[in-house]
C-alpha atoms as a PDB file:
ATOM      1  CA  MET A   1      -8.261   1.611 -36.966  1.00  0.00           C
ATOM      2  CA  SER A   2      -9.874   4.775 -36.346  1.00  0.00           C
ATOM      3  CA  ALA A   3      -9.068   7.557 -33.887  1.00  0.00           C
ATOM      4  CA  LEU A   4     -12.211   6.631 -31.952  1.00  0.00           C
ATOM      5  CA  ASP A   5     -10.734   3.107 -31.145  1.00  0.00           C
ATOM      6  CA  LEU A   6      -7.712   4.036 -29.821  1.00  0.00           C
ATOM      7  CA  PRO A   7      -8.601   5.148 -26.832  1.00  0.00           C
ATOM      8  CA  LEU A   8     -10.632   2.200 -25.953  1.00  0.00           C
ATOM      9  CA  ILE A   9      -7.580  -0.233 -26.785  1.00  0.00           C
ATOM     10  CA  PHE A  10      -5.564   1.647 -24.118  1.00  0.00           C
ATOM     11  CA  THR A  11      -8.111   2.058 -21.965  1.00  0.00           C
ATOM     12  CA  GLY A  12      -7.984  -2.019 -22.041  1.00  0.00           C
ATOM     13  CA  LEU A  13      -4.534  -2.057 -21.782  1.00  0.00           C
ATOM     14  CA  MET A  14      -4.283   0.153 -18.950  1.00  0.00           C
ATOM     15  CA  GLY A  15      -7.188  -1.813 -17.072  1.00  0.00           C
ATOM     16  CA  PHE A  16      -5.346  -4.953 -17.813  1.00  0.00           C
ATOM     17  CA  ALA A  17      -2.165  -3.614 -16.403  1.00  0.00           C
ATOM     18  CA  ILE A  18      -3.514  -2.398 -13.223  1.00  0.00           C
ATOM     19  CA  LEU A  19      -5.674  -5.848 -12.606  1.00  0.00           C
ATOM     20  CA  ALA A  20      -2.308  -7.476 -13.514  1.00  0.00           C
ATOM     21  CA  TYR A  21      -0.933  -5.454 -10.327  1.00  0.00           C
ATOM     22  CA  VAL A  22      -3.702  -5.490  -8.019  1.00  0.00           C
ATOM     23  CA  VAL A  23      -3.665  -9.404  -7.926  1.00  0.00           C
ATOM     24  CA  LEU A  24      -0.022 -10.207  -8.621  1.00  0.00           C
ATOM     25  CA  ASP A  25       1.307  -7.498  -5.956  1.00  0.00           C
ATOM     26  CA  GLY A  26      -1.852  -7.742  -4.230  1.00  0.00           C
ATOM     27  CA  TYR A  27      -0.710 -11.132  -2.752  1.00  0.00           C
ATOM     28  CA  ASP A  28       2.904 -10.410  -1.932  1.00  0.00           C
ATOM     29  CA  LEU A  29       1.327  -7.531  -0.046  1.00  0.00           C
ATOM     30  CA  GLY A  30      -0.951  -9.875   1.719  1.00  0.00           C
ATOM     31  CA  VAL A  31       1.871 -11.711   2.653  1.00  0.00           C
ATOM     32  CA  GLY A  32       3.492  -8.849   4.220  1.00  0.00           C
ATOM     33  CA  ILE A  33       0.526  -7.789   6.172  1.00  0.00           C
ATOM     34  CA  LEU A  34       0.271 -11.379   7.662  1.00  0.00           C
ATOM     35  CA  LEU A  35       3.921 -11.449   8.468  1.00  0.00           C
ATOM     36  CA  PRO A  36       3.660 -10.326  12.181  1.00  0.00           C
ATOM     37  CA  ALA A  37       0.864 -13.041  12.821  1.00  0.00           C
ATOM     38  CA  ALA A  38       3.602 -15.734  11.992  1.00  0.00           C
ATOM     39  CA  THR A  39       6.574 -17.621  14.081  1.00  0.00           C
ATOM     40  CA  PRO A  40      10.224 -16.533  13.036  1.00  0.00           C
ATOM     41  CA  CYS A  41      10.834 -19.748  11.148  1.00  0.00           C
ATOM     42  CA  GLU A  42       7.228 -19.189   9.295  1.00  0.00           C
ATOM     43  CA  GLN A  43       8.230 -15.860   8.485  1.00  0.00           C
ATOM     44  CA  ASN A  44      11.350 -16.840   6.607  1.00  0.00           C
ATOM     45  CA  ILE A  45       9.527 -19.039   4.595  1.00  0.00           C
ATOM     46  CA  MET A  46       6.651 -16.678   3.896  1.00  0.00           C
ATOM     47  CA  VAL A  47       9.171 -14.127   2.470  1.00  0.00           C
ATOM     48  CA  SER A  48      11.085 -16.603   0.555  1.00  0.00           C
ATOM     49  CA  SER A  49       7.775 -17.257  -1.145  1.00  0.00           C
ATOM     50  CA  ILE A  50       7.336 -13.980  -2.359  1.00  0.00           C
ATOM     51  CA  GLY A  51      10.872 -13.294  -2.951  1.00  0.00           C
ATOM     52  CA  PRO A  52      11.561 -14.298  -6.517  1.00  0.00           C
ATOM     53  CA  PHE A  53       8.225 -12.379  -7.678  1.00  0.00           C
ATOM     54  CA  TRP A  54       7.620  -9.242  -5.585  1.00  0.00           C
ATOM     55  CA  ASP A  55      10.006  -7.156  -7.643  1.00  0.00           C
ATOM     56  CA  ALA A  56       8.236  -8.000 -11.093  1.00  0.00           C
ATOM     57  CA  ASN A  57       4.893  -7.934  -9.606  1.00  0.00           C
ATOM     58  CA  GLU A  58       5.506  -4.129  -9.463  1.00  0.00           C
ATOM     59  CA  THR A  59       6.458  -3.866 -12.921  1.00  0.00           C
ATOM     60  CA  TRP A  60       2.339  -3.676 -13.876  1.00  0.00           C
ATOM     61  CA  LEU A  61       1.867  -0.888 -11.669  1.00  0.00           C
ATOM     62  CA  VAL A  62       4.823   1.251 -13.825  1.00  0.00           C
ATOM     63  CA  LEU A  63       3.093   0.213 -16.715  1.00  0.00           C
ATOM     64  CA  GLY A  64      -0.236   1.150 -15.858  1.00  0.00           C
ATOM     65  CA  ILE A  65       0.524   4.659 -14.625  1.00  0.00           C
ATOM     66  CA  GLY A  66       3.002   4.955 -17.723  1.00  0.00           C
ATOM     67  CA  LEU A  67       0.005   4.464 -20.088  1.00  0.00           C
ATOM     68  CA  LEU A  68      -1.889   6.763 -18.048  1.00  0.00           C
ATOM     69  CA  LEU A  69       0.717   9.361 -18.742  1.00  0.00           C
ATOM     70  CA  VAL A  70       1.269   9.006 -22.375  1.00  0.00           C
ATOM     71  CA  ALA A  71      -2.449   7.883 -23.332  1.00  0.00           C
ATOM     72  CA  PHE A  72      -4.454  10.118 -21.194  1.00  0.00           C
ATOM     73  CA  PRO A  73      -2.079  13.159 -20.404  1.00  0.00           C
ATOM     74  CA  VAL A  74      -4.821  15.365 -19.208  1.00  0.00           C
ATOM     75  CA  ALA A  75      -6.340  12.727 -17.011  1.00  0.00           C
ATOM     76  CA  HIS A  76      -2.809  11.901 -15.640  1.00  0.00           C
ATOM     77  CA  GLY A  77      -2.745  15.518 -14.476  1.00  0.00           C
ATOM     78  CA  MET A  78      -5.714  15.629 -12.928  1.00  0.00           C
ATOM     79  CA  VAL A  79      -5.765  12.177 -11.234  1.00  0.00           C
ATOM     80  CA  LEU A  80      -2.129  12.323  -9.737  1.00  0.00           C
ATOM     81  CA  THR A  81      -2.562  16.167  -8.825  1.00  0.00           C
ATOM     82  CA  ALA A  82      -5.818  15.110  -6.798  1.00  0.00           C
ATOM     83  CA  LEU A  83      -4.132  11.996  -5.205  1.00  0.00           C
ATOM     84  CA  TYR A  84      -0.840  13.605  -4.461  1.00  0.00           C
ATOM     85  CA  LEU A  85      -0.681  12.682  -0.616  1.00  0.00           C
ATOM     86  CA  PRO A  86      -1.994   9.052  -1.046  1.00  0.00           C
ATOM     87  CA  VAL A  87       0.455   8.405  -3.952  1.00  0.00           C
ATOM     88  CA  LEU A  88       3.412   9.541  -1.572  1.00  0.00           C
ATOM     89  CA  VAL A  89       2.285   7.433   1.021  1.00  0.00           C
ATOM     90  CA  MET A  90       1.905   4.628  -0.855  1.00  0.00           C
ATOM     91  CA  LEU A  91       5.296   5.050  -2.327  1.00  0.00           C
ATOM     92  CA  ILE A  92       6.884   5.400   1.307  1.00  0.00           C
ATOM     93  CA  GLY A  93       5.305   1.731   2.003  1.00  0.00           C
ATOM     94  CA  LEU A  94       6.645   0.149  -1.129  1.00  0.00           C
ATOM     95  CA  ILE A  95      10.042   2.026  -0.449  1.00  0.00           C
ATOM     96  CA  LEU A  96       9.776   0.787   3.407  1.00  0.00           C
ATOM     97  CA  ARG A  97       9.130  -2.741   2.004  1.00  0.00           C
ATOM     98  CA  GLY A  98      12.184  -3.017  -0.520  1.00  0.00           C
ATOM     99  CA  VAL A  99      14.478  -1.490   2.330  1.00  0.00           C
ATOM    100  CA  ALA A 100      13.288  -3.954   5.173  1.00  0.00           C
ATOM    101  CA  PHE A 101      13.276  -7.238   2.521  1.00  0.00           C
ATOM    102  CA  GLU A 102      16.665  -6.533   1.687  1.00  0.00           C
ATOM    103  CA  PHE A 103      18.192  -5.860   5.158  1.00  0.00           C
ATOM    104  CA  ARG A 104      16.052  -8.777   7.131  1.00  0.00           C
ATOM    105  CA  VAL A 105      18.090 -11.184   5.395  1.00  0.00           C
ATOM    106  CA  LYS A 106      21.255  -9.755   6.746  1.00  0.00           C
ATOM    107  CA  ALA A 107      20.036  -9.019  10.134  1.00  0.00           C
ATOM    108  CA  GLN A 108      20.197 -11.125  13.197  1.00  0.00           C
ATOM    109  CA  GLY A 109      18.393 -11.321  16.592  1.00  0.00           C
ATOM    110  CA  TRP A 110      16.172  -8.253  17.391  1.00  0.00           C
ATOM    111  CA  HIS A 111      17.196  -6.405  14.219  1.00  0.00           C
ATOM    112  CA  ARG A 112      15.610  -9.130  11.943  1.00  0.00           C
ATOM    113  CA  GLU A 113      12.488  -8.938  13.958  1.00  0.00           C
ATOM    114  CA  LEU A 114      12.259  -5.202  13.718  1.00  0.00           C
ATOM    115  CA  TRP A 115      13.082  -5.319   9.910  1.00  0.00           C
ATOM    116  CA  ASN A 116      10.059  -8.011   9.882  1.00  0.00           C
ATOM    117  CA  TRP A 117       7.715  -5.715  11.623  1.00  0.00           C
ATOM    118  CA  LEU A 118       8.695  -3.195   9.081  1.00  0.00           C
ATOM    119  CA  PHE A 119       8.030  -5.230   6.292  1.00  0.00           C
ATOM    120  CA  GLY A 120       4.480  -5.661   7.570  1.00  0.00           C
ATOM    121  CA  CYS A 121       4.383  -1.930   8.417  1.00  0.00           C
ATOM    122  CA  GLY A 122       5.073  -1.099   4.837  1.00  0.00           C
ATOM    123  CA  SER A 123       2.755  -3.650   3.580  1.00  0.00           C
ATOM    124  CA  ILE A 124      -0.129  -2.376   5.173  1.00  0.00           C
ATOM    125  CA  ILE A 125       0.673   1.319   4.169  1.00  0.00           C
ATOM    126  CA  ALA A 126       0.833   0.526   0.472  1.00  0.00           C
ATOM    127  CA  ALA A 127      -2.399  -1.482   0.938  1.00  0.00           C
ATOM    128  CA  LEU A 128      -4.395   1.204   2.508  1.00  0.00           C
ATOM    129  CA  ALA A 129      -2.878   3.998   0.629  1.00  0.00           C
ATOM    130  CA  GLN A 130      -3.967   2.162  -2.665  1.00  0.00           C
ATOM    131  CA  GLY A 131      -7.572   1.537  -1.100  1.00  0.00           C
ATOM    132  CA  LEU A 132      -7.893   5.186  -0.239  1.00  0.00           C
ATOM    133  CA  MET A 133      -6.752   6.206  -3.674  1.00  0.00           C
ATOM    134  CA  LEU A 134      -9.580   3.987  -5.132  1.00  0.00           C
ATOM    135  CA  GLY A 135     -12.128   5.435  -3.105  1.00  0.00           C
ATOM    136  CA  LEU A 136     -11.515   9.012  -3.801  1.00  0.00           C
ATOM    137  CA  TYR A 137     -11.133   8.207  -7.364  1.00  0.00           C
ATOM    138  CA  VAL A 138     -14.668   6.593  -7.386  1.00  0.00           C
ATOM    139  CA  VAL A 139     -16.375   9.742  -5.618  1.00  0.00           C
ATOM    140  CA  GLY A 140     -14.354  11.848  -7.915  1.00  0.00           C
ATOM    141  CA  PHE A 141     -11.996  13.522  -5.828  1.00  0.00           C
ATOM    142  CA  ALA A 142     -14.760  15.026  -3.826  1.00  0.00           C
ATOM    143  CA  HIS A 143     -13.423  16.499  -0.358  1.00  0.00           C
ATOM    144  CA  GLY A 144     -16.385  16.178   2.096  1.00  0.00           C
ATOM    145  CA  VAL A 145     -16.538  14.173   5.343  1.00  0.00           C
ATOM    146  CA  GLY A 146     -18.937  11.487   4.038  1.00  0.00           C
ATOM    147  CA  ASP A 147     -16.291  11.101   0.881  1.00  0.00           C
ATOM    148  CA  TYR A 148     -13.339  10.346   3.138  1.00  0.00           C
ATOM    149  CA  LEU A 149     -15.061   7.609   5.493  1.00  0.00           C
ATOM    150  CA  PHE A 150     -16.122   6.307   2.317  1.00  0.00           C
ATOM    151  CA  ALA A 151     -12.486   6.079   0.895  1.00  0.00           C
ATOM    152  CA  ALA A 152     -11.549   4.839   4.317  1.00  0.00           C
ATOM    153  CA  VAL A 153     -14.123   2.254   4.144  1.00  0.00           C
ATOM    154  CA  VAL A 154     -12.693   0.921   0.513  1.00  0.00           C
ATOM    155  CA  ALA A 155      -9.272   1.385   2.023  1.00  0.00           C
ATOM    156  CA  LEU A 156      -9.915  -1.276   4.607  1.00  0.00           C
ATOM    157  CA  GLY A 157     -11.666  -3.643   2.067  1.00  0.00           C
ATOM    158  CA  VAL A 158      -8.624  -3.397  -0.052  1.00  0.00           C
ATOM    159  CA  ALA A 159      -6.391  -4.511   2.781  1.00  0.00           C
ATOM    160  CA  GLY A 160      -8.948  -6.896   3.425  1.00  0.00           C
ATOM    161  CA  GLY A 161      -8.500  -8.359  -0.011  1.00  0.00           C
ATOM    162  CA  TYR A 162      -4.999  -8.519  -0.034  1.00  0.00           C
ATOM    163  CA  VAL A 163      -4.905 -10.476   3.130  1.00  0.00           C
ATOM    164  CA  MET A 164      -7.335 -12.997   1.340  1.00  0.00           C
ATOM    165  CA  LEU A 165      -4.707 -13.321  -1.667  1.00  0.00           C
ATOM    166  CA  GLY A 166      -1.840 -13.667   0.720  1.00  0.00           C
ATOM    167  CA  GLY A 167      -3.486 -16.325   2.424  1.00  0.00           C
ATOM    168  CA  ALA A 168      -4.684 -18.152  -0.439  1.00  0.00           C
ATOM    169  CA  TRP A 169      -0.915 -17.878  -1.754  1.00  0.00           C
ATOM    170  CA  LEU A 170       0.382 -19.280   1.251  1.00  0.00           C
ATOM    171  CA  ILE A 171      -2.039 -22.315   1.024  1.00  0.00           C
ATOM    172  CA  ALA A 172      -0.924 -23.393  -2.330  1.00  0.00           C
ATOM    173  CA  ARG A 173       3.069 -22.589  -1.877  1.00  0.00           C
ATOM    174  CA  THR A 174       3.547 -23.875   1.718  1.00  0.00           C
ATOM    175  CA  GLU A 175       2.900 -26.793   3.792  1.00  0.00           C
ATOM    176  CA  GLY A 176       2.383 -28.052   7.650  1.00  0.00           C
ATOM    177  CA  THR A 177       1.616 -25.623  10.267  1.00  0.00           C
ATOM    178  CA  LEU A 178       2.298 -22.676   8.018  1.00  0.00           C
ATOM    179  CA  GLN A 179       0.045 -24.012   5.295  1.00  0.00           C
ATOM    180  CA  HIS A 180      -3.051 -24.770   8.043  1.00  0.00           C
ATOM    181  CA  SER A 181      -2.744 -20.990   9.463  1.00  0.00           C
ATOM    182  CA  ALA A 182      -3.050 -19.735   5.910  1.00  0.00           C
ATOM    183  CA  THR A 183      -6.675 -21.347   5.508  1.00  0.00           C
ATOM    184  CA  ARG A 184      -7.743 -19.270   8.558  1.00  0.00           C
ATOM    185  CA  TRP A 185      -6.188 -16.300   7.200  1.00  0.00           C
ATOM    186  CA  THR A 186      -7.691 -16.477   4.071  1.00  0.00           C
ATOM    187  CA  ARG A 187     -11.222 -16.513   5.610  1.00  0.00           C
ATOM    188  CA  TRP A 188     -10.186 -13.576   7.749  1.00  0.00           C
ATOM    189  CA  GLY A 189      -9.477 -11.708   4.652  1.00  0.00           C
ATOM    190  CA  GLN A 190     -12.825 -12.871   2.892  1.00  0.00           C
ATOM    191  CA  ILE A 191     -14.603 -11.478   5.890  1.00  0.00           C
ATOM    192  CA  GLY A 192     -12.922  -8.139   5.137  1.00  0.00           C
ATOM    193  CA  VAL A 193     -13.674  -8.271   1.460  1.00  0.00           C
ATOM    194  CA  ALA A 194     -17.472  -9.129   1.941  1.00  0.00           C
ATOM    195  CA  LEU A 195     -18.090  -6.339   4.489  1.00  0.00           C
ATOM    196  CA  GLY A 196     -15.905  -4.134   2.435  1.00  0.00           C
ATOM    197  CA  LEU A 197     -17.782  -4.824  -0.992  1.00  0.00           C
ATOM    198  CA  LEU A 198     -21.324  -4.209   0.766  1.00  0.00           C
ATOM    199  CA  LEU A 199     -20.474  -0.992   2.270  1.00  0.00           C
ATOM    200  CA  VAL A 200     -18.715   0.256  -0.975  1.00  0.00           C
ATOM    201  CA  ILE A 201     -22.099  -0.717  -2.877  1.00  0.00           C
ATOM    202  CA  VAL A 202     -24.227   1.157  -0.482  1.00  0.00           C
ATOM    203  CA  GLY A 203     -21.713   4.447  -0.252  1.00  0.00           C
ATOM    204  CA  THR A 204     -21.101   4.459  -3.943  1.00  0.00           C
ATOM    205  CA  ALA A 205     -24.974   4.424  -4.529  1.00  0.00           C
ATOM    206  CA  LEU A 206     -25.293   7.045  -1.971  1.00  0.00           C
ATOM    207  CA  GLU A 207     -22.291   9.345  -2.769  1.00  0.00           C
ATOM    208  CA  ASN A 208     -22.092   9.003  -6.499  1.00  0.00           C
ATOM    209  CA  SER A 209     -25.236   9.832  -8.580  1.00  0.00           C
ATOM    210  CA  THR A 210     -23.389   9.233 -11.908  1.00  0.00           C
ATOM    211  CA  ILE A 211     -22.887   5.646 -10.799  1.00  0.00           C
ATOM    212  CA  ARG A 212     -26.163   5.487  -9.151  1.00  0.00           C
ATOM    213  CA  GLU A 213     -27.748   6.318 -12.504  1.00  0.00           C
ATOM    214  CA  LYS A 214     -26.104   4.031 -14.453  1.00  0.00           C
ATOM    215  CA  TRP A 215     -26.790   1.163 -11.950  1.00  0.00           C
ATOM    216  CA  LEU A 216     -30.620   1.645 -12.565  1.00  0.00           C
ATOM    217  CA  GLN A 217     -30.261   1.821 -16.172  1.00  0.00           C
ATOM    218  CA  LEU A 218     -29.461  -2.117 -16.384  1.00  0.00           C
ATOM    219  CA  PRO A 219     -30.721  -3.616 -13.328  1.00  0.00           C
ATOM    220  CA  MET A 220     -31.198  -7.017 -14.899  1.00  0.00           C
ATOM    221  CA  LEU A 221     -27.214  -7.059 -16.130  1.00  0.00           C
ATOM    222  CA  LEU A 222     -26.108  -5.915 -13.159  1.00  0.00           C
ATOM    223  CA  LEU A 223     -27.136  -8.498 -11.115  1.00  0.00           C
ATOM    224  CA  LEU A 224     -25.448 -10.937 -12.677  1.00  0.00           C
ATOM    225  CA  LEU A 225     -21.978  -9.730 -11.110  1.00  0.00           C
ATOM    226  CA  PRO A 226     -23.205  -9.447  -7.531  1.00  0.00           C
ATOM    227  CA  LEU A 227     -24.932 -12.871  -8.084  1.00  0.00           C
ATOM    228  CA  ALA A 228     -21.327 -14.689  -9.416  1.00  0.00           C
ATOM    229  CA  LEU A 229     -19.493 -12.520  -6.889  1.00  0.00           C
ATOM    230  CA  ILE A 230     -21.285 -14.210  -4.406  1.00  0.00           C
ATOM    231  CA  ALA A 231     -20.804 -17.580  -5.816  1.00  0.00           C
ATOM    232  CA  VAL A 232     -17.214 -17.457  -5.915  1.00  0.00           C
ATOM    233  CA  TRP A 233     -16.935 -15.931  -2.341  1.00  0.00           C
ATOM    234  CA  SER A 234     -18.741 -18.812  -1.068  1.00  0.00           C
ATOM    235  CA  TRP A 235     -17.129 -21.509  -3.148  1.00  0.00           C
ATOM    236  CA  VAL A 236     -13.446 -20.101  -1.843  1.00  0.00           C
ATOM    237  CA  TRP A 237     -14.901 -20.318   1.868  1.00  0.00           C
ATOM    238  CA  HIS A 238     -15.987 -23.922   1.619  1.00  0.00           C
ATOM    239  CA  ALA A 239     -12.702 -24.647  -0.168  1.00  0.00           C
ATOM    240  CA  THR A 240     -10.621 -23.446   2.508  1.00  0.00           C
ATOM    241  CA  ARG A 241     -12.755 -25.197   5.182  1.00  0.00           C
ATOM    242  CA  ARG A 242     -12.378 -28.556   3.501  1.00  0.00           C
ATOM    243  CA  LEU A 243      -8.505 -28.071   3.289  1.00  0.00           C
ATOM    244  CA  GLU A 244      -8.411 -26.825   6.989  1.00  0.00           C
ATOM    245  CA  HIS A 245     -10.185 -29.762   7.848  1.00  0.00           C
ATOM    246  CA  ARG A 246      -7.901 -32.330   5.848  1.00  0.00           C
ATOM    247  CA  LEU A 247      -4.907 -30.674   7.255  1.00  0.00           C
ATOM    248  CA  ALA A 248      -6.036 -31.291  10.727  1.00  0.00           C
ATOM    249  CA  GLY A 249      -6.887 -34.657  10.148  1.00  0.00           C
ATOM    250  CA  SER A 250      -4.253 -37.685   9.645  1.00  0.00           C
ATOM    251  CA  SER A 251      -4.184 -37.936   6.218  1.00  0.00           C
ATOM    252  CA  CYS A 252      -3.001 -34.957   3.842  1.00  0.00           C
ATOM    253  CA  ALA A 253      -2.918 -37.118   0.714  1.00  0.00           C
ATOM    254  CA  ASN A 254      -3.861 -35.817  -2.940  1.00  0.00           C
ATOM    255  CA  LEU A 255      -4.060 -32.246  -1.436  1.00  0.00           C
ATOM    256  CA  SER A 256      -2.045 -30.761  -4.311  1.00  0.00           C
ATOM    257  CA  LYS A 257      -4.920 -30.469  -7.068  1.00  0.00           C
ATOM    258  CA  HIS A 258      -6.993 -28.782  -4.391  1.00  0.00           C
ATOM    259  CA  GLU A 259      -4.337 -26.370  -2.932  1.00  0.00           C
ATOM    260  CA  TRP A 260      -4.662 -23.698  -5.894  1.00  0.00           C
ATOM    261  CA  MET A 261      -8.242 -23.557  -5.620  1.00  0.00           C
ATOM    262  CA  PRO A 262      -8.454 -20.755  -3.262  1.00  0.00           C
ATOM    263  CA  PHE A 263      -5.854 -18.624  -4.698  1.00  0.00           C
ATOM    264  CA  PHE A 264      -7.637 -19.161  -8.245  1.00  0.00           C
ATOM    265  CA  GLY A 265     -11.023 -18.400  -6.631  1.00  0.00           C
ATOM    266  CA  ALA A 266      -9.791 -15.187  -4.699  1.00  0.00           C
ATOM    267  CA  VAL A 267      -8.407 -13.853  -8.331  1.00  0.00           C
ATOM    268  CA  SER A 268     -11.805 -14.297  -9.695  1.00  0.00           C
ATOM    269  CA  ILE A 269     -13.438 -12.341  -6.966  1.00  0.00           C
ATOM    270  CA  TYR A 270     -10.916  -9.311  -8.001  1.00  0.00           C
ATOM    271  CA  VAL A 271     -11.748  -9.944 -11.521  1.00  0.00           C
ATOM    272  CA  ILE A 272     -15.402  -9.986 -11.110  1.00  0.00           C
ATOM    273  CA  ALA A 273     -15.316  -6.986  -8.985  1.00  0.00           C
ATOM    274  CA  PHE A 274     -12.897  -5.053 -11.480  1.00  0.00           C
ATOM    275  CA  LEU A 275     -15.310  -5.812 -14.260  1.00  0.00           C
ATOM    276  CA  GLY A 276     -18.174  -3.983 -12.084  1.00  0.00           C
ATOM    277  CA  LEU A 277     -15.893  -1.231 -11.360  1.00  0.00           C
ATOM    278  CA  GLY A 278     -15.016  -0.754 -15.253  1.00  0.00           C
ATOM    279  CA  TYR A 279     -18.639  -1.009 -16.226  1.00  0.00           C
ATOM    280  CA  SER A 280     -19.762   1.542 -13.335  1.00  0.00           C
ATOM    281  CA  LEU A 281     -16.989   4.209 -14.547  1.00  0.00           C
ATOM    282  CA  PHE A 282     -16.860   3.572 -18.279  1.00  0.00           C
ATOM    283  CA  PRO A 283     -16.743   5.849 -20.352  1.00  0.00           C
ATOM    284  CA  TYR A 284     -15.335   8.382 -17.888  1.00  0.00           C
ATOM    285  CA  ILE A 285     -11.783   7.861 -16.989  1.00  0.00           C
ATOM    286  CA  VAL A 286     -12.283  11.113 -14.289  1.00  0.00           C
ATOM    287  CA  VAL A 287     -15.385  10.110 -12.763  1.00  0.00           C
ATOM    288  CA  ALA A 288     -18.257  12.657 -14.292  1.00  0.00           C
ATOM    289  CA  ARG A 289     -15.494  14.863 -15.429  1.00  0.00           C
ATOM    290  CA  LEU A 290     -13.669  13.805 -18.534  1.00  0.00           C
ATOM    291  CA  THR A 291     -14.038  10.772 -20.962  1.00  0.00           C
ATOM    292  CA  ILE A 292     -11.467   8.512 -22.373  1.00  0.00           C
ATOM    293  CA  TRP A 293     -11.978  10.348 -25.597  1.00  0.00           C
ATOM    294  CA  GLN A 294     -11.958  14.107 -23.892  1.00  0.00           C
ATOM    295  CA  ALA A 295      -8.556  12.645 -22.323  1.00  0.00           C
ATOM    296  CA  ALA A 296      -7.092  10.958 -25.039  1.00  0.00           C
ATOM    297  CA  ALA A 297      -3.711  12.032 -26.484  1.00  0.00           C
ATOM    298  CA  HIS A 298      -3.651  12.872 -30.483  1.00  0.00           C
ATOM    299  CA  PRO A 299      -4.035   9.717 -32.660  1.00  0.00           C
ATOM    300  CA  SER A 300      -0.873   9.764 -34.052  1.00  0.00           C
ATOM    301  CA  SER A 301       0.595   9.705 -30.595  1.00  0.00           C
ATOM    302  CA  LEU A 302      -1.608   6.903 -29.571  1.00  0.00           C
ATOM    303  CA  ARG A 303      -0.553   4.801 -32.431  1.00  0.00           C
ATOM    304  CA  PHE A 304       2.975   5.557 -32.128  1.00  0.00           C
ATOM    305  CA  VAL A 305       2.808   4.376 -28.407  1.00  0.00           C
ATOM    306  CA  LEU A 306       0.784   1.187 -29.326  1.00  0.00           C
ATOM    307  CA  ILE A 307       3.849   0.107 -31.375  1.00  0.00           C
ATOM    308  CA  GLY A 308       5.827   0.120 -28.216  1.00  0.00           C
ATOM    309  CA  ALA A 309       3.011  -1.143 -25.827  1.00  0.00           C
ATOM    310  CA  LEU A 310       2.801  -4.187 -28.125  1.00  0.00           C
ATOM    311  CA  ILE A 311       6.386  -5.082 -28.092  1.00  0.00           C
ATOM    312  CA  VAL A 312       7.087  -4.211 -24.250  1.00  0.00           C
ATOM    313  CA  LEU A 313       3.781  -6.371 -22.927  1.00  0.00           C
ATOM    314  CA  PRO A 314       4.560  -9.436 -24.226  1.00  0.00           C
ATOM    315  CA  MET A 315       7.855  -9.377 -22.975  1.00  0.00           C
ATOM    316  CA  ILE A 316       6.763  -8.564 -19.344  1.00  0.00           C
ATOM    317  CA  LEU A 317       4.338 -11.751 -19.803  1.00  0.00           C
ATOM    318  CA  ALA A 318       7.038 -13.894 -21.045  1.00  0.00           C
ATOM    319  CA  TYR A 319       9.673 -13.202 -18.042  1.00  0.00           C
ATOM    320  CA  SER A 320       6.711 -12.976 -15.413  1.00  0.00           C
ATOM    321  CA  VAL A 321       5.632 -16.464 -16.880  1.00  0.00           C
ATOM    322  CA  PHE A 322       9.058 -17.767 -17.087  1.00  0.00           C
ATOM    323  CA  SER A 323       9.831 -16.699 -13.382  1.00  0.00           C
ATOM    324  CA  TYR A 324       6.811 -18.226 -12.067  1.00  0.00           C
ATOM    325  CA  TYR A 325       7.375 -21.403 -13.981  1.00  0.00           C
ATOM    326  CA  VAL A 326      11.355 -21.589 -12.347  1.00  0.00           C
ATOM    327  CA  PHE A 327      10.299 -20.880  -8.932  1.00  0.00           C
ATOM    328  CA  ARG A 328       7.044 -23.009  -9.116  1.00  0.00           C
ATOM    329  CA  GLY A 329       6.518 -25.691  -6.067  1.00  0.00           C
ATOM    330  CA  LYS A 330       6.502 -25.476  -2.399  1.00  0.00           C
ATOM    331  CA  VAL A 331       8.797 -23.198  -0.643  1.00  0.00           C
ATOM    332  CA  ARG A 332      10.536 -25.154   2.338  1.00  0.00           C
ATOM    333  CA  GLU A 333      12.789 -23.938   5.198  1.00  0.00           C
END
């Protein structure tokens, strides 16, 4: 294995960890954002649907940042220094979620309503902070007014995407009126995703000359990703519409094989968008400043860390799959 291959391997591992975090923690952040829109009884079911998983989902964030630190230490210093405040805000949101999650179980009356509201606030704070971090990263940590407006649009798009994931998760995991409401919430999130992606594409082309020039080099290849994105987005929209009509009807038989379709479609939207982002940024790990080879640690360090990563990653995958298997099925009151 050559010294040039190791940074590519770690880029792939880090990208996989970040994508896993965005999808898995994204749906439970989306459920938290939707919490204030539900009744108290529905709120208990919503929290129970993510209860066994949300802590483990955040492991992927730790893994992604850890790989950035050990494999690309120069980039780690630049990225976290530039994103110090958004990272701090995100951590405050995640801490607020954790505290509210534990306290709401023991609280009664208006105290439980308060913790539910704080759980929702922590979720939206964390989602917006992550979107802001992504937006600032794409523009290379520039500090112009247009750059901050672009980052704000990305933040709203990320929050909308989490709502889409959260709604699709609830369609698969709940039933009755809550499941019916989740079909509408999923489409709300889809509208936010569509508007966010459209504005992000336009804003990126205007704000980032490096990415714009790369888009112009292979226009036919690049065209495939937007077409796939539009196709999957439309499929999810029609799938949730069909489910909503069937749930509103008198017969809800044989829905189980269709209930996971919106969630898998929503995950596919994220995967396609992530591939487009990876294509746009490669080979830079800090846009227009630092490539993955310039930022990589010494090959001997990378080989040592790779052994640890190949041990830890299967363990994380194993206990994640096991927990999802044990707590499969519908969540009921």
